[in-house]
Amino acid sequence: MRSIALTIIALFGYTIALADGFGIGHGPYLQNVTEDKVTVFFTTSAPSFAWIEVESDGWVEPRRFANSEAGLLDAYTKSYSIEINGLERGKQYRYRIVAKEMKEFRPYKITYGDSIATEWERFYTTDSKAKECSFVIINDGHDNAGKVRTLLEKSQLSSANAVIYLGDMISYSEREDVPYNGFIDLSTELFARNKPFIAVRGNHETRGNMARRYKEYVGTHEGRFYNIYYYGNTALIVLDTGEDKPDSHPVYGGINDFDSYRNEQALWLQQEIKSKRFRQCSNRIVLMHIPPYITGNHHSEQHAEKELSRLFTPIFNKAKIDLVLSGHTHRHIDIEPDGDERKFPIIVNDNNSVIDLKLTKEGIGVTITDKDGKVTLNKKL
């Protein structure tokens, strides 16, 4: 699948407002924002042919983007993730969705219905020369969009570059609407049309008969849930910690393979930390749902903690990681470095608090606020 700029498209008089019978189902929301590209996710209420129009100061006319694979543009679908590429760093762009309902799709006859266009939205690409950045972090929402709203309202959302959902934002996937109801629709309402969220996969996102479709809802890098995001002089390492119990545990029915998956990520990270861009970063943050530390939870859940500690602690030490942020335990744990064995701190957030993370050349600021608005941690690293 590749995203292309459309140069010739015949438009039938579409409306700026959404039509009553056909419109946007979910979204738009931004994912994978970098210096030169961004992906826009959205759904339509009926099968359609849709694309993105983008405009910017200095452009003569809007540019149009759609997905193309083997000569065919995405069509007769309701789910879209369209990459907008060829952008410039640290620049503002405006975009909107244009879509045409496909009433009939036969081999030699296509019948279109309503045509729509959304309001123009804006976004910024990231800037490698930015001197500071900030993030809002929430974990373990477990389908409670009301709680997530409360925590976002207690945060510094307006000034944040992105929101980080640090895993277990849903409890399990058995219906198509679960991720939307749990946190995506709320994100679209409050911020995600204009700034992205980064979804770190937790162990609960791996559960349920639709868990293997989670990548249809959130941005991935080449289909993987682990990646490094760069914001100015900050590197955000996102790891996918998998399930908490051994792959052989009977509740998984023999269909999990997370031990080898964690090894795959360790090998990948060993190479990534050698890059010039990573080595030049002043702040190096790891985001992983399950912490690489034995927290004392139920014995069966310690398997992942032990494996993550064994695999990643030496790599984090070598990479000079400044801070690891995790969730999972539903309780706050502030873990200081212990000397030569682990040279980095770990902060585990509980399930009823929000983290405001601010990063500058001078260091890292971590503020944790609970759902009642009480600041429970204010720490400089």
Foldseek 3Di string as FASTA:
>chain_A
DAKDWDDDDDDDDADQDADPPKDWDFDQFWADFAFFKIKTKTFIPFWKQKWKWKDFPPDPGTIIMFDDDPHDTDTRGGIDITMDGRHGGFGKMKMKMWIWHFPDDDPPDTDTDHIYIYDIDMEHGFHQADQKAKEKEAEQLALVQVLVVLQCVLAPVVRHQEYEYQENLHQADADPCRVVSSHRRVCRVPPRNYHHYQYQYDQRCCHYPCSVVVCSPHPDDVPDNWDWGDHHLEIETGDHLYAQADCPPVVNVNPDDRLVVVVVVLVVLLVVLPDPSLLRRLAYEYRHADALAQPPPDPRRCPSNVSCVVRPQVVCVVSVHAEYEYEPPQDWDWAAADPPSHHYIYTYDHNFWMWMWMQGSVFIWIWIAGSVSDTPDTDTD
